[in-house]
Amino acid sequence: MKVFVTGGSGFLAQRFIELARRGGHQIICYDTSNQGRRAEMWILGDITDHEALVAAMQSHQPEIVVHLATVLSDVCENDPVVGTGVNWRRRSSRAKRAT
């Protein structure tokens, strides 16, 4: 199965990718960083850039999307608007579009 993972360089994503690859799944990561690079394909991008995210998903046609992109607590504390936008608003809007 082709799996599109947002936040692919994060702690949870790296564990998920490792397990998914063991299960034979093809992983496409979308993140602002390419640390960890355990995926077959890595797309540098920011989930707050809606057009780029949609273009990447349309280009690769994943069968499933696993949204693990977040901003860390220090960023949320320093800039609650960014933290809320990425960690909650973006996630809920992606979920609504997927249904």
Protein backbone atom coordinates (compact mmCIF):
# COMPACT_ATOMS: atom_id res chain seq x y z
CA MET A 1 0.00 0.00 0.00
CA LYS A 2 1.23 3.52 -0.79
CA VAL A 3 1.24 5.57 2.44
CA PHE A 4 1.68 9.37 2.59
CA VAL A 5 3.08 10.48 5.97
CA THR A 6 3.16 14.12 7.04
CA GLY A 7 5.79 15.02 9.63
CA GLY A 8 7.99 12.16 8.49
CA SER A 9 11.10 13.20 10.41
CA GLY A 10 9.33 13.25 13.79
CA PHE A 11 9.72 10.68 16.53
CA LEU A 12 6.36 8.96 16.06
CA ALA A 13 6.59 9.09 12.29
CA GLN A 14 9.99 7.41 12.26
CA ARG A 15 8.63 4.54 14.36
CA PHE A 16 5.53 4.29 12.17
CA ILE A 17 7.62 4.29 8.97
CA GLU A 18 9.84 1.53 10.29
CA LEU A 19 6.85 -0.69 11.08
CA ALA A 20 5.04 0.13 7.84
CA ARG A 21 8.10 -0.69 5.73
CA ARG A 22 8.42 -4.03 7.53
CA GLY A 23 4.85 -4.65 6.45
CA GLY A 24 5.81 -4.05 2.83
CA HIS A 25 4.24 -0.62 2.43
CA GLN A 26 5.69 2.10 0.21
CA ILE A 27 6.23 5.27 2.26
CA ILE A 28 6.12 8.83 0.96
CA CYS A 29 7.11 11.44 3.55
CA TYR A 30 6.17 15.10 3.51
CA ASP A 31 8.05 17.31 5.97
CA THR A 32 10.03 20.51 6.33
CA SER A 33 13.09 18.42 7.20
CA ASN A 34 14.54 15.23 5.78
CA GLN A 35 16.13 13.91 8.95
CA GLY A 36 15.81 10.19 9.44
CA ARG A 37 15.17 9.43 5.75
CA ARG A 38 13.70 5.95 6.20
CA ALA A 39 11.14 6.44 3.46
CA GLU A 40 11.42 5.51 -0.20
CA MET A 41 10.45 9.04 -1.19
CA TRP A 42 10.92 12.30 0.64
CA ILE A 43 9.14 15.53 -0.27
CA LEU A 44 10.31 18.71 1.41
CA GLY A 45 7.25 20.80 2.16
CA ASP A 46 5.24 22.53 4.85
CA ILE A 47 1.70 21.40 5.69
CA THR A 48 0.69 25.03 6.12
CA ASP A 49 1.23 25.44 2.37
CA HIS A 50 -2.08 23.98 1.28
CA GLU A 51 -1.48 24.18 -2.47
CA ALA A 52 1.90 22.40 -2.26
CA LEU A 53 0.48 19.69 -0.01
CA VAL A 54 -2.46 19.05 -2.31
CA ALA A 55 -0.15 18.98 -5.35
CA ALA A 56 2.14 16.44 -3.67
CA MET A 57 -0.78 14.21 -2.74
CA GLN A 58 -2.31 14.44 -6.21
CA SER A 59 1.03 13.70 -7.80
CA HIS A 60 1.69 10.57 -5.73
CA GLN A 61 -1.88 9.29 -5.30
CA PRO A 62 -1.47 7.63 -1.88
CA GLU A 63 -3.94 4.99 -0.74
CA ILE A 64 -3.78 6.26 2.82
CA VAL A 65 -2.60 9.43 4.59
CA VAL A 66 -1.13 9.34 8.08
CA HIS A 67 -0.95 12.84 9.51
CA LEU A 68 1.81 13.06 12.12
CA ALA A 69 3.05 16.60 11.48
CA THR A 70 3.12 18.80 14.56
CA VAL A 71 5.10 21.68 15.96
CA LEU A 72 6.94 21.12 19.22
CA SER A 73 5.82 22.50 22.56
CA ASP A 74 8.45 25.26 22.68
CA VAL A 75 7.16 26.64 19.38
CA CYS A 76 3.57 26.40 20.64
CA GLU A 77 4.48 28.25 23.82
CA ASN A 78 6.30 31.00 21.93
CA ASP A 79 3.72 31.28 19.15
CA PRO A 80 0.32 29.80 20.09
CA VAL A 81 -1.20 30.86 16.77
CA VAL A 82 1.29 28.73 14.82
CA GLY A 83 0.92 25.85 17.28
CA THR A 84 -2.86 25.87 17.06
CA GLY A 85 -2.76 26.29 13.29
CA VAL A 86 -0.54 23.28 12.68
CA ASN A 87 -1.43 20.99 15.56
CA TRP A 88 -5.18 21.42 15.51
CA ARG A 89 -6.69 23.51 12.71
CA ARG A 90 -4.66 21.98 9.85
CA ARG A 91 -5.21 18.47 11.15
CA SER A 92 -8.98 18.88 11.46
CA SER A 93 -9.26 20.48 8.00
CA ARG A 94 -7.26 17.60 6.43
CA ALA A 95 -9.50 15.06 8.15
CA LYS A 96 -12.63 16.77 6.86
CA ARG A 97 -11.28 16.77 3.28
CA ALA A 98 -10.39 13.09 3.51
CA THR A 99 -13.93 12.01 4.39
